[in-house]
Every structure is written in C-alpha cells, then in structure tokens.
PDB file of N, CA and C in Angstrom:
ATOM      1  N   MET A   1       0.820  -1.193   0.000  1.00  0.00           N
ATOM      2  CA  MET A   1       0.000   0.000   0.000  1.00  0.00           C
ATOM      3  C   MET A   1       0.868   1.263   0.000  1.00  0.00           C
ATOM      4  N   ALA A   2       1.879   1.291   0.857  1.00  0.00           N
ATOM      5  CA  ALA A   2       2.754   2.460   0.943  1.00  0.00           C
ATOM      6  C   ALA A   2       3.577   2.616  -0.342  1.00  0.00           C
ATOM      7  N   LEU A   3       3.853   1.480  -1.008  1.00  0.00           N
ATOM      8  CA  LEU A   3       4.607   1.529  -2.249  1.00  0.00           C
ATOM      9  C   LEU A   3       3.821   2.227  -3.351  1.00  0.00           C
ATOM     10  N   ARG A   4       2.512   2.065  -3.375  1.00  0.00           N
ATOM     11  CA  ARG A   4       1.664   2.725  -4.373  1.00  0.00           C
ATOM     12  C   ARG A   4       1.703   4.252  -4.217  1.00  0.00           C
ATOM     13  N   LEU A   5       1.831   4.726  -2.999  1.00  0.00           N
ATOM     14  CA  LEU A   5       1.901   6.171  -2.762  1.00  0.00           C
ATOM     15  C   LEU A   5       3.313   6.709  -2.992  1.00  0.00           C
ATOM     16  N   LEU A   6       4.286   5.903  -2.687  1.00  0.00           N
ATOM     17  CA  LEU A   6       5.668   6.354  -2.771  1.00  0.00           C
ATOM     18  C   LEU A   6       6.191   6.407  -4.212  1.00  0.00           C
ATOM     19  N   LEU A   7       5.770   5.463  -5.041  1.00  0.00           N
ATOM     20  CA  LEU A   7       6.255   5.394  -6.416  1.00  0.00           C
ATOM     21  C   LEU A   7       5.918   6.651  -7.231  1.00  0.00           C
ATOM     22  N   PRO A   8       4.678   7.175  -7.239  1.00  0.00           N
ATOM     23  CA  PRO A   8       4.410   8.416  -7.993  1.00  0.00           C
ATOM     24  C   PRO A   8       5.195   9.617  -7.464  1.00  0.00           C
ATOM     25  N   LEU A   9       5.410   9.693  -6.163  1.00  0.00           N
ATOM     26  CA  LEU A   9       6.194  10.794  -5.602  1.00  0.00           C
ATOM     27  C   LEU A   9       7.651  10.717  -6.046  1.00  0.00           C
ATOM     28  N   LEU A  10       8.205   9.522  -6.100  1.00  0.00           N
ATOM     29  CA  LEU A  10       9.583   9.355  -6.566  1.00  0.00           C
ATOM     30  C   LEU A  10       9.709   9.719  -8.050  1.00  0.00           C
ATOM     31  N   LEU A  11       8.728   9.338  -8.851  1.00  0.00           N
ATOM     32  CA  LEU A  11       8.763   9.692 -10.269  1.00  0.00           C
ATOM     33  C   LEU A  11       8.668  11.205 -10.466  1.00  0.00           C
ATOM     34  N   LEU A  12       7.834  11.860  -9.697  1.00  0.00           N
ATOM     35  CA  LEU A  12       7.691  13.310  -9.791  1.00  0.00           C
ATOM     36  C   LEU A  12       8.991  14.007  -9.382  1.00  0.00           C
ATOM     37  N   ALA A  13       9.609  13.547  -8.306  1.00  0.00           N
ATOM     38  CA  ALA A  13      10.868  14.139  -7.847  1.00  0.00           C
ATOM     39  C   ALA A  13      11.968  13.944  -8.886  1.00  0.00           C
ATOM     40  N   ALA A  14      12.042  12.777  -9.495  1.00  0.00           N
ATOM     41  CA  ALA A  14      13.057  12.504 -10.516  1.00  0.00           C
ATOM     42  C   ALA A  14      12.843  13.401 -11.736  1.00  0.00           C
ATOM     43  N   THR A  15      11.590  13.587 -12.140  1.00  0.00           N
ATOM     44  CA  THR A  15      11.280  14.452 -13.282  1.00  0.00           C
ATOM     45  C   THR A  15      11.698  15.884 -13.008  1.00  0.00           C
ATOM     46  N   LEU A  16      11.429  16.378 -11.818  1.00  0.00           N
ATOM     47  CA  LEU A  16      11.800  17.747 -11.463  1.00  0.00           C
ATOM     48  C   LEU A  16      13.315  17.926 -11.435  1.00  0.00           C
ATOM     49  N   LEU A  17      14.031  16.952 -10.924  1.00  0.00           N
ATOM     50  CA  LEU A  17      15.491  17.033 -10.887  1.00  0.00           C
ATOM     51  C   LEU A  17      16.091  17.042 -12.292  1.00  0.00           C
ATOM     52  N   ILE A  18      15.561  16.216 -13.177  1.00  0.00           N
ATOM     53  CA  ILE A  18      16.054  16.173 -14.552  1.00  0.00           C
ATOM     54  C   ILE A  18      15.772  17.490 -15.261  1.00  0.00           C
ATOM     55  N   ALA A  19      14.568  18.031 -15.071  1.00  0.00           N
ATOM     56  CA  ALA A  19      14.208  19.303 -15.706  1.00  0.00           C
ATOM     57  C   ALA A  19      15.104  20.430 -15.218  1.00  0.00           C
ATOM     58  N   GLN A  20      15.406  20.442 -13.939  1.00  0.00           N
ATOM     59  CA  GLN A  20      16.269  21.488 -13.385  1.00  0.00           C
ATOM     60  C   GLN A  20      17.694  21.333 -13.898  1.00  0.00           C
ATOM     61  N   ALA A  21      18.174  20.125 -14.029  1.00  0.00           N
ATOM     62  CA  ALA A  21      19.527  19.885 -14.513  1.00  0.00           C
ATOM     63  C   ALA A  21      19.670  20.299 -15.971  1.00  0.00           C
ATOM     64  N   GLN A  22      18.600  20.192 -16.760  1.00  0.00           N
ATOM     65  CA  GLN A  22      18.646  20.580 -18.161  1.00  0.00           C
ATOM     66  C   GLN A  22      18.478  22.077 -18.343  1.00  0.00           C
ATOM     67  N   GLY A  23      18.169  22.802 -17.310  1.00  0.00           N
ATOM     68  CA  GLY A  23      18.071  24.248 -17.397  1.00  0.00           C
ATOM     69  C   GLY A  23      16.747  24.744 -17.915  1.00  0.00           C
ATOM     70  N   ILE A  24      15.689  23.969 -17.781  1.00  0.00           N
ATOM     71  CA  ILE A  24      14.375  24.423 -18.217  1.00  0.00           C
ATOM     72  C   ILE A  24      13.977  25.621 -17.370  1.00  0.00           C
ATOM     73  N   GLY A  25      13.557  26.681 -18.032  1.00  0.00           N
ATOM     74  CA  GLY A  25      13.192  27.896 -17.319  1.00  0.00           C
ATOM     75  C   GLY A  25      14.358  28.837 -17.123  1.00  0.00           C
ATOM     76  N   SER A  26      15.513  28.480 -17.663  1.00  0.00           N
ATOM     77  CA  SER A  26      16.690  29.330 -17.530  1.00  0.00           C
ATOM     78  C   SER A  26      16.596  30.500 -18.490  1.00  0.00           C
ATOM     79  N   SER A  27      16.957  31.700 -18.029  1.00  0.00           N
ATOM     80  CA  SER A  27      16.923  32.878 -18.882  1.00  0.00           C
ATOM     81  C   SER A  27      18.160  32.971 -19.763  1.00  0.00           C
ATOM     82  N   ALA A  28      19.122  32.086 -19.590  1.00  0.00           N
ATOM     83  CA  ALA A  28      20.366  32.137 -20.333  1.00  0.00           C
ATOM     84  C   ALA A  28      20.323  31.264 -21.585  1.00  0.00           C
ATOM     85  N   SER A  29      19.148  30.931 -22.080  1.00  0.00           N
ATOM     86  CA  SER A  29      19.042  30.013 -23.204  1.00  0.00           C
ATOM     87  C   SER A  29      19.466  30.650 -24.522  1.00  0.00           C
ATOM     88  N   ASP A  30      19.558  31.974 -24.613  1.00  0.00           N
ATOM     89  CA  ASP A  30      19.942  32.607 -25.864  1.00  0.00           C
ATOM     90  C   ASP A  30      21.282  33.330 -25.742  1.00  0.00           C
ATOM     91  N   CYS A  31      22.177  32.796 -24.969  1.00  0.00           N
ATOM     92  CA  CYS A  31      23.500  33.391 -24.795  1.00  0.00           C
ATOM     93  C   CYS A  31      24.408  33.044 -25.971  1.00  0.00           C
ATOM     94  N   CYS A  32      25.334  33.952 -26.258  1.00  0.00           N
ATOM     95  CA  CYS A  32      26.366  33.681 -27.265  1.00  0.00           C
ATOM     96  C   CYS A  32      27.330  32.644 -26.698  1.00  0.00           C
ATOM     97  N   LEU A  33      27.721  31.696 -27.521  1.00  0.00           N
ATOM     98  CA  LEU A  33      28.684  30.682 -27.101  1.00  0.00           C
ATOM     99  C   LEU A  33      30.088  31.001 -27.594  1.00  0.00           C
ATOM    100  N   LYS A  34      30.172  31.826 -28.657  1.00  0.00           N
ATOM    101  CA  LYS A  34      31.468  32.285 -29.146  1.00  0.00           C
ATOM    102  C   LYS A  34      31.267  33.609 -29.871  1.00  0.00           C
ATOM    103  N   ASN A  35      32.357  34.356 -30.007  1.00  0.00           N
ATOM    104  CA  ASN A  35      32.310  35.652 -30.669  1.00  0.00           C
ATOM    105  C   ASN A  35      32.811  35.524 -32.103  1.00  0.00           C
ATOM    106  N   SER A  36      32.186  36.274 -32.994  1.00  0.00           N
ATOM    107  CA  SER A  36      32.609  36.324 -34.382  1.00  0.00           C
ATOM    108  C   SER A  36      33.907  37.114 -34.479  1.00  0.00           C
ATOM    109  N   ARG A  37      34.787  36.695 -35.358  1.00  0.00           N
ATOM    110  CA  ARG A  37      36.052  37.409 -35.565  1.00  0.00           C
ATOM    111  C   ARG A  37      35.987  38.309 -36.797  1.00  0.00           C
ATOM    112  N   LYS A  38      34.903  38.204 -37.558  1.00  0.00           N
ATOM    113  CA  LYS A  38      34.775  38.987 -38.783  1.00  0.00           C
ATOM    114  C   LYS A  38      34.357  40.416 -38.460  1.00  0.00           C
ATOM    115  N   THR A  39      34.767  41.343 -39.313  1.00  0.00           N
ATOM    116  CA  THR A  39      34.366  42.734 -39.165  1.00  0.00           C
ATOM    117  C   THR A  39      32.895  42.870 -39.550  1.00  0.00           C
ATOM    118  N   ILE A  40      32.153  43.591 -38.725  1.00  0.00           N
ATOM    119  CA  ILE A  40      30.720  43.767 -38.959  1.00  0.00           C
ATOM    120  C   ILE A  40      30.506  45.137 -39.607  1.00  0.00           C
ATOM    121  N   PRO A  41      29.955  45.172 -40.813  1.00  0.00           N
ATOM    122  CA  PRO A  41      29.704  46.467 -41.457  1.00  0.00           C
ATOM    123  C   PRO A  41      28.666  47.278 -40.676  1.00  0.00           C
ATOM    124  N   SER A  42      28.959  48.544 -40.451  1.00  0.00           N
ATOM    125  CA  SER A  42      28.043  49.386 -39.667  1.00  0.00           C
ATOM    126  C   SER A  42      26.697  49.554 -40.355  1.00  0.00           C
ATOM    127  N   SER A  43      26.664  49.413 -41.667  1.00  0.00           N
ATOM    128  CA  SER A  43      25.397  49.561 -42.390  1.00  0.00           C
ATOM    129  C   SER A  43      24.439  48.401 -42.122  1.00  0.00           C
ATOM    130  N   TRP A  44      24.931  47.303 -41.600  1.00  0.00           N
ATOM    131  CA  TRP A  44      24.080  46.155 -41.289  1.00  0.00           C
ATOM    132  C   TRP A  44      23.376  46.293 -39.948  1.00  0.00           C
ATOM    133  N   VAL A  45      23.960  47.062 -39.020  1.00  0.00           N
ATOM    134  CA  VAL A  45      23.561  47.022 -37.608  1.00  0.00           C
ATOM    135  C   VAL A  45      22.543  48.106 -37.280  1.00  0.00           C
ATOM    136  N   LYS A  46      21.510  47.712 -36.504  1.00  0.00           N
ATOM    137  CA  LYS A  46      20.533  48.701 -36.036  1.00  0.00           C
ATOM    138  C   LYS A  46      20.590  48.897 -34.525  1.00  0.00           C
ATOM    139  N   SER A  47      21.078  47.911 -33.767  1.00  0.00           N
ATOM    140  CA  SER A  47      21.156  48.055 -32.309  1.00  0.00           C
ATOM    141  C   SER A  47      22.137  47.033 -31.749  1.00  0.00           C
ATOM    142  N   TYR A  48      22.365  47.152 -30.445  1.00  0.00           N
ATOM    143  CA  TYR A  48      23.244  46.200 -29.766  1.00  0.00           C
ATOM    144  C   TYR A  48      22.797  46.047 -28.315  1.00  0.00           C
ATOM    145  N   SER A  49      23.254  44.967 -27.688  1.00  0.00           N
ATOM    146  CA  SER A  49      23.061  44.760 -26.250  1.00  0.00           C
ATOM    147  C   SER A  49      24.318  44.082 -25.722  1.00  0.00           C
ATOM    148  N   LEU A  50      24.481  44.121 -24.417  1.00  0.00           N
ATOM    149  CA  LEU A  50      25.643  43.502 -23.777  1.00  0.00           C
ATOM    150  C   LEU A  50      25.207  42.257 -23.028  1.00  0.00           C
ATOM    151  N   GLN A  51      26.046  41.239 -23.044  1.00  0.00           N
ATOM    152  CA  GLN A  51      25.767  40.036 -22.264  1.00  0.00           C
ATOM    153  C   GLN A  51      26.990  39.684 -21.438  1.00  0.00           C
ATOM    154  N   GLY A  52      26.746  39.025 -20.327  1.00  0.00           N
ATOM    155  CA  GLY A  52      27.820  38.599 -19.437  1.00  0.00           C
ATOM    156  C   GLY A  52      27.232  37.886 -18.243  1.00  0.00           C
ATOM    157  N   PRO A  53      28.042  37.675 -17.215  1.00  0.00           N
ATOM    158  CA  PRO A  53      27.560  36.967 -16.019  1.00  0.00           C
ATOM    159  C   PRO A  53      26.350  37.641 -15.368  1.00  0.00           C
ATOM    160  N   GLU A  54      26.287  38.985 -15.449  1.00  0.00           N
ATOM    161  CA  GLU A  54      25.158  39.688 -14.835  1.00  0.00           C
ATOM    162  C   GLU A  54      23.837  39.394 -15.552  1.00  0.00           C
ATOM    163  N   SER A  55      23.906  38.933 -16.803  1.00  0.00           N
ATOM    164  CA  SER A  55      22.695  38.574 -17.540  1.00  0.00           C
ATOM    165  C   SER A  55      22.513  37.056 -17.620  1.00  0.00           C
ATOM    166  N   GLY A  56      23.316  36.322 -16.870  1.00  0.00           N
ATOM    167  CA  GLY A  56      23.181  34.867 -16.809  1.00  0.00           C
ATOM    168  C   GLY A  56      23.959  34.119 -17.875  1.00  0.00           C
ATOM    169  N   CYS A  57      24.884  34.783 -18.566  1.00  0.00           N
ATOM    170  CA  CYS A  57      25.677  34.153 -19.623  1.00  0.00           C
ATOM    171  C   CYS A  57      27.133  34.044 -19.193  1.00  0.00           C
ATOM    172  N   LEU A  58      27.803  32.993 -19.618  1.00  0.00           N
ATOM    173  CA  LEU A  58      29.203  32.792 -19.239  1.00  0.00           C
ATOM    174  C   LEU A  58      30.139  33.695 -20.036  1.00  0.00           C
ATOM    175  N   LEU A  59      29.840  33.909 -21.313  1.00  0.00           N
ATOM    176  CA  LEU A  59      30.715  34.673 -22.197  1.00  0.00           C
ATOM    177  C   LEU A  59      30.322  36.143 -22.223  1.00  0.00           C
ATOM    178  N   ARG A  60      31.313  37.018 -22.035  1.00  0.00           N
ATOM    179  CA  ARG A  60      31.068  38.454 -22.205  1.00  0.00           C
ATOM    180  C   ARG A  60      31.063  38.737 -23.702  1.00  0.00           C
ATOM    181  N   ALA A  61      30.012  39.415 -24.167  1.00  0.00           N
ATOM    182  CA  ALA A  61      29.905  39.689 -25.600  1.00  0.00           C
ATOM    183  C   ALA A  61      29.019  40.895 -25.841  1.00  0.00           C
ATOM    184  N   VAL A  62      29.206  41.484 -27.017  1.00  0.00           N
ATOM    185  CA  VAL A  62      28.299  42.500 -27.528  1.00  0.00           C
ATOM    186  C   VAL A  62      27.448  41.784 -28.568  1.00  0.00           C
ATOM    187  N   VAL A  63      26.133  41.848 -28.405  1.00  0.00           N
ATOM    188  CA  VAL A  63      25.230  41.185 -29.337  1.00  0.00           C
ATOM    189  C   VAL A  63      24.614  42.252 -30.233  1.00  0.00           C
ATOM    190  N   PHE A  64      25.048  42.277 -31.496  1.00  0.00           N
ATOM    191  CA  PHE A  64      24.516  43.230 -32.456  1.00  0.00           C
ATOM    192  C   PHE A  64      23.279  42.635 -33.121  1.00  0.00           C
ATOM    193  N   THR A  65      22.265  43.464 -33.313  1.00  0.00           N
ATOM    194  CA  THR A  65      21.073  43.060 -34.055  1.00  0.00           C
ATOM    195  C   THR A  65      21.128  43.759 -35.400  1.00  0.00           C
ATOM    196  N   THR A  66      21.053  42.978 -36.475  1.00  0.00           N
ATOM    197  CA  THR A  66      21.129  43.548 -37.809  1.00  0.00           C
ATOM    198  C   THR A  66      19.754  44.057 -38.239  1.00  0.00           C
ATOM    199  N   LYS A  67      19.732  44.764 -39.352  1.00  0.00           N
ATOM    200  CA  LYS A  67      18.475  45.277 -39.895  1.00  0.00           C
ATOM    201  C   LYS A  67      17.567  44.147 -40.364  1.00  0.00           C
ATOM    202  N   LYS A  68      18.146  42.954 -40.560  1.00  0.00           N
ATOM    203  CA  LYS A  68      17.355  41.768 -40.914  1.00  0.00           C
ATOM    204  C   LYS A  68      17.034  40.923 -39.682  1.00  0.00           C
ATOM    205  N   ASN A  69      17.204  41.516 -38.486  1.00  0.00           N
ATOM    206  CA  ASN A  69      16.927  40.879 -37.196  1.00  0.00           C
ATOM    207  C   ASN A  69      17.750  39.615 -36.940  1.00  0.00           C
ATOM    208  N   LYS A  70      18.981  39.590 -37.425  1.00  0.00           N
ATOM    209  CA  LYS A  70      19.923  38.517 -37.109  1.00  0.00           C
ATOM    210  C   LYS A  70      20.790  38.978 -35.949  1.00  0.00           C
ATOM    211  N   LYS A  71      21.264  38.039 -35.148  1.00  0.00           N
ATOM    212  CA  LYS A  71      22.134  38.344 -34.010  1.00  0.00           C
ATOM    213  C   LYS A  71      23.575  37.985 -34.352  1.00  0.00           C
ATOM    214  N   ILE A  72      24.489  38.908 -34.066  1.00  0.00           N
ATOM    215  CA  ILE A  72      25.914  38.668 -34.281  1.00  0.00           C
ATOM    216  C   ILE A  72      26.638  38.965 -32.973  1.00  0.00           C
ATOM    217  N   CYS A  73      27.380  37.996 -32.480  1.00  0.00           N
ATOM    218  CA  CYS A  73      28.117  38.149 -31.230  1.00  0.00           C
ATOM    219  C   CYS A  73      29.539  38.616 -31.532  1.00  0.00           C
ATOM    220  N   ALA A  74      30.010  39.579 -30.749  1.00  0.00           N
ATOM    221  CA  ALA A  74      31.358  40.130 -30.962  1.00  0.00           C
ATOM    222  C   ALA A  74      32.024  40.384 -29.618  1.00  0.00           C
ATOM    223  N   SER A  75      33.349  40.426 -29.648  1.00  0.00           N
ATOM    224  CA  SER A  75      34.129  40.658 -28.437  1.00  0.00           C
ATOM    225  C   SER A  75      34.035  42.127 -28.009  1.00  0.00           C
ATOM    226  N   PRO A  76      33.718  42.392 -26.749  1.00  0.00           N
ATOM    227  CA  PRO A  76      33.632  43.783 -26.291  1.00  0.00           C
ATOM    228  C   PRO A  76      34.990  44.472 -26.200  1.00  0.00           C
ATOM    229  N   THR A  77      36.088  43.727 -26.271  1.00  0.00           N
ATOM    230  CA  THR A  77      37.416  44.331 -26.198  1.00  0.00           C
ATOM    231  C   THR A  77      37.987  44.661 -27.576  1.00  0.00           C
ATOM    232  N   ASP A  78      37.338  44.212 -28.633  1.00  0.00           N
ATOM    233  CA  ASP A  78      37.791  44.484 -30.000  1.00  0.00           C
ATOM    234  C   ASP A  78      37.609  45.969 -30.324  1.00  0.00           C
ATOM    235  N   PRO A  79      38.667  46.666 -30.769  1.00  0.00           N
ATOM    236  CA  PRO A  79      38.564  48.108 -31.059  1.00  0.00           C
ATOM    237  C   PRO A  79      37.515  48.445 -32.126  1.00  0.00           C
ATOM    238  N   THR A  80      37.346  47.578 -33.143  1.00  0.00           N
ATOM    239  CA  THR A  80      36.343  47.866 -34.169  1.00  0.00           C
ATOM    240  C   THR A  80      34.928  47.743 -33.612  1.00  0.00           C
ATOM    241  N   VAL A  81      34.746  46.830 -32.669  1.00  0.00           N
ATOM    242  CA  VAL A  81      33.441  46.665 -32.011  1.00  0.00           C
ATOM    243  C   VAL A  81      33.145  47.887 -31.145  1.00  0.00           C
ATOM    244  N   GLN A  82      34.153  48.369 -30.414  1.00  0.00           N
ATOM    245  CA  GLN A  82      33.972  49.556 -29.583  1.00  0.00           C
ATOM    246  C   GLN A  82      33.622  50.774 -30.425  1.00  0.00           C
ATOM    247  N   LYS A  83      34.237  50.907 -31.593  1.00  0.00           N
ATOM    248  CA  LYS A  83      33.954  52.023 -32.500  1.00  0.00           C
ATOM    249  C   LYS A  83      32.519  51.926 -33.032  1.00  0.00           C
ATOM    250  N   LEU A  84      32.091  50.720 -33.360  1.00  0.00           N
ATOM    251  CA  LEU A  84      30.727  50.508 -33.845  1.00  0.00           C
ATOM    252  C   LEU A  84      29.700  50.857 -32.764  1.00  0.00           C
ATOM    253  N   ILE A  85      29.993  50.512 -31.520  1.00  0.00           N
ATOM    254  CA  ILE A  85      29.114  50.858 -30.393  1.00  0.00           C
ATOM    255  C   ILE A  85      29.032  52.382 -30.252  1.00  0.00           C
ATOM    256  N   GLN A  86      30.170  53.057 -30.329  1.00  0.00           N
ATOM    257  CA  GLN A  86      30.178  54.527 -30.223  1.00  0.00           C
ATOM    258  C   GLN A  86      29.340  55.154 -31.331  1.00  0.00           C
ATOM    259  N   ASN A  87      29.470  54.653 -32.556  1.00  0.00           N
ATOM    260  CA  ASN A  87      28.696  55.189 -33.675  1.00  0.00           C
ATOM    261  C   ASN A  87      27.196  54.968 -33.485  1.00  0.00           C
ATOM    262  N   LEU A  88      26.811  53.790 -32.979  1.00  0.00           N
ATOM    263  CA  LEU A  88      25.392  53.526 -32.723  1.00  0.00           C
ATOM    264  C   LEU A  88      24.855  54.431 -31.624  1.00  0.00           C
ATOM    265  N   ASP A  89      25.668  54.641 -30.559  1.00  0.00           N
ATOM    266  CA  ASP A  89      25.243  55.525 -29.467  1.00  0.00           C
ATOM    267  C   ASP A  89      25.052  56.960 -29.963  1.00  0.00           C
ATOM    268  N   LYS A  90      25.969  57.428 -30.830  1.00  0.00           N
ATOM    269  CA  LYS A  90      25.851  58.772 -31.394  1.00  0.00           C
ATOM    270  C   LYS A  90      24.587  58.895 -32.238  1.00  0.00           C
ATOM    271  N   LYS A  91      24.314  57.871 -33.035  1.00  0.00           N
ATOM    272  CA  LYS A  91      23.138  57.894 -33.908  1.00  0.00           C
ATOM    273  C   LYS A  91      21.851  57.965 -33.083  1.00  0.00           C
ATOM    274  N   VAL A  92      21.766  57.171 -32.034  1.00  0.00           N
ATOM    275  CA  VAL A  92      20.582  57.177 -31.166  1.00  0.00           C
ATOM    276  C   VAL A  92      20.439  58.527 -30.486  1.00  0.00           C
ATOM    277  N   LYS A  93      21.553  59.086 -30.013  1.00  0.00           N
ATOM    278  CA  LYS A  93      21.521  60.388 -29.338  1.00  0.00           C
ATOM    279  C   LYS A  93      21.054  61.483 -30.300  1.00  0.00           C
ATOM    280  N   ASN A  94      21.561  61.468 -31.537  1.00  0.00           N
ATOM    281  CA  ASN A  94      21.155  62.458 -32.535  1.00  0.00           C
ATOM    282  C   ASN A  94      19.689  62.303 -32.927  1.00  0.00           C
ATOM    283  N   ASP A  95      19.215  61.068 -33.049  1.00  0.00           N
ATOM    284  CA  ASP A  95      17.815  60.826 -33.392  1.00  0.00           C
ATOM    285  C   ASP A  95      16.889  61.331 -32.293  1.00  0.00           C
ATOM    286  N   LYS A  96      17.284  61.136 -31.034  1.00  0.00           N
ATOM    287  CA  LYS A  96      16.461  61.622 -29.917  1.00  0.00           C
ATOM    288  C   LYS A  96      16.432  63.144 -29.903  1.00  0.00           C
ATOM    289  N   ARG A  97      17.570  63.765 -30.197  1.00  0.00           N
ATOM    290  CA  ARG A  97      17.657  65.219 -30.201  1.00  0.00           C
ATOM    291  C   ARG A  97      16.776  65.815 -31.307  1.00  0.00           C
ATOM    292  N   LYS A  98      16.721  65.138 -32.437  1.00  0.00           N
ATOM    293  CA  LYS A  98      15.920  65.616 -33.566  1.00  0.00           C
ATOM    294  C   LYS A  98      14.452  65.243 -33.433  1.00  0.00           C
ATOM    295  N   GLY A  99      14.118  64.411 -32.462  1.00  0.00           N
ATOM    296  CA  GLY A  99      12.730  64.012 -32.255  1.00  0.00           C
ATOM    297  C   GLY A  99      12.285  62.867 -33.140  1.00  0.00           C
ATOM    298  N   HIS A 100      13.242  62.150 -33.716  1.00  0.00           N
ATOM    299  CA  HIS A 100      12.915  61.008 -34.570  1.00  0.00           C
ATOM    300  C   HIS A 100      12.852  59.749 -33.727  1.00  0.00           C
ATOM    301  N   SER A 101      11.913  58.894 -34.087  1.00  0.00           N
ATOM    302  CA  SER A 101      11.923  57.562 -33.491  1.00  0.00           C
ATOM    303  C   SER A 101      12.400  56.615 -34.585  1.00  0.00           C
ATOM    304  N   PRO A 102      13.484  55.882 -34.351  1.00  0.00           N
ATOM    305  CA  PRO A 102      14.033  55.039 -35.402  1.00  0.00           C
ATOM    306  C   PRO A 102      13.068  53.923 -35.788  1.00  0.00           C
ATOM    307  N   ARG A 103      12.876  53.727 -37.108  1.00  0.00           N
ATOM    308  CA  ARG A 103      12.029  52.651 -37.614  1.00  0.00           C
ATOM    309  C   ARG A 103      12.890  51.446 -37.950  1.00  0.00           C
ATOM    310  N   ALA A 104      12.270  50.267 -37.910  1.00  0.00           N
ATOM    311  CA  ALA A 104      12.986  49.051 -38.278  1.00  0.00           C
ATOM    312  C   ALA A 104      13.432  49.157 -39.729  1.00  0.00           C
ATOM    313  N   GLY A 105      14.658  48.788 -39.987  1.00  0.00           N
ATOM    314  CA  GLY A 105      15.185  48.844 -41.336  1.00  0.00           C
ATOM    315  C   GLY A 105      15.714  50.207 -41.722  1.00  0.00           C
ATOM    316  N   GLY A 106      15.506  51.225 -40.890  1.00  0.00           N
ATOM    317  CA  GLY A 106      16.016  52.548 -41.169  1.00  0.00           C
ATOM    318  C   GLY A 106      15.294  53.287 -42.280  1.00  0.00           C
ATOM    319  N   ARG A 107      14.130  52.780 -42.681  1.00  0.00           N
ATOM    320  CA  ARG A 107      13.393  53.423 -43.765  1.00  0.00           C
ATOM    321  C   ARG A 107      12.360  54.384 -43.204  1.00  0.00           C
ATOM    322  N   PRO A 108      12.052  55.459 -43.936  1.00  0.00           N
ATOM    323  CA  PRO A 108      11.000  56.369 -43.485  1.00  0.00           C
ATOM    324  C   PRO A 108       9.630  55.716 -43.655  1.00  0.00           C
ATOM    325  N   LYS A 109       8.678  56.185 -42.887  1.00  0.00           N
ATOM    326  CA  LYS A 109       7.325  55.650 -42.945  1.00  0.00           C
ATOM    327  C   LYS A 109       6.711  55.939 -44.300  1.00  0.00           C
ATOM    328  N   ARG A 110       6.084  54.948 -44.885  1.00  0.00           N
ATOM    329  CA  ARG A 110       5.489  55.098 -46.212  1.00  0.00           C
ATOM    330  C   ARG A 110       4.138  55.782 -46.085  1.00  0.00           C
ATOM    331  N   GLN A 111       3.907  56.768 -46.938  1.00  0.00           N
ATOM    332  CA  GLN A 111       2.653  57.526 -46.917  1.00  0.00           C
ATOM    333  C   GLN A 111       1.615  56.795 -47.753  1.00  0.00           C
ATOM    334  N   LYS A 112       0.358  56.851 -47.335  1.00  0.00           N
ATOM    335  CA  LYS A 112      -0.726  56.262 -48.113  1.00  0.00           C
ATOM    336  C   LYS A 112      -1.113  57.230 -49.230  1.00  0.00           C
ATOM    337  N   ARG A 113      -1.454  56.683 -50.397  1.00  0.00           N
ATOM    338  CA  ARG A 113      -1.904  57.507 -51.494  1.00  0.00           C
ATOM    339  C   ARG A 113      -3.378  57.814 -51.323  1.00  0.00           C
ATOM    340  N   GLN A 114      -3.742  59.003 -51.672  1.00  0.00           N
ATOM    341  CA  GLN A 114      -5.156  59.386 -51.619  1.00  0.00           C
ATOM    342  C   GLN A 114      -5.763  59.225 -53.000  1.00  0.00           C
ATOM    343  N   ARG A 115      -6.936  58.624 -53.030  1.00  0.00           N
ATOM    344  CA  ARG A 115      -7.633  58.461 -54.308  1.00  0.00           C
ATOM    345  C   ARG A 115      -8.421  59.716 -54.615  1.00  0.00           C
ATOM    346  N   VAL A 116      -8.448  60.051 -55.881  1.00  0.00           N
ATOM    347  CA  VAL A 116      -9.172  61.261 -56.309  1.00  0.00           C
ATOM    348  C   VAL A 116     -10.423  60.887 -57.050  1.00  0.00           C
TER     349      VAL A 116
END
C-alpha cells in the first residue's frame, strides 16, 4: 500500500530534478557561445546589447542586431566593435535630439496615397 503512494512521488521528484539539470526555465538560453572574428559592417547594424555573467551568460559579448533581425556576437574588447558601439550611441543620441523615433530597417514611414 505504501509503495503505491511512494512510487508516484519518486517519479515526480526525478522528473523535477532532470528538468532542473537541463536548465528548463533558464533565462540564459539565448547566450552567445562564441564571438565572431569577422568585421561587422556598420550599415548592417541597427542596435546592440551587452551580455555577461550579470545577464546569466558565461561569455562576455556585444550582441549586435542587424536590420534583418539577425544576431551577431562580438568581443567587447575588439577596437572595431567599440567604434561601432560609439557610432550607434551617437546615432541614437542624434535621433532623440531631432525628435525622430528610429524605424525598423532605417526606412521612413510610407505615406498612403489618396484616391481622387
């Protein structure tokens, strides 16, 4: 009788342990595992974010988002990456000063045609 009650509890505990070991529910599931060594053209990039231990990732990286919504990981110590970050920060600062809200793809909003 006690075995009937104990067996489902043991199965539930084992399932929870396996799920926890696999990292289910972990916020670090989209971390960069390595950094690209290729130069990233500034015309491709629309934004960036930083990742590291404070965001739950082992590798410190700059994650660039391209205009096609692709992610490119780069080393934060690379001088070309630092220059690209500075250029993006300047662009955002200038857009805010001018009162522009940046659109995806960097294109201006398309106007609707009026029928006559």
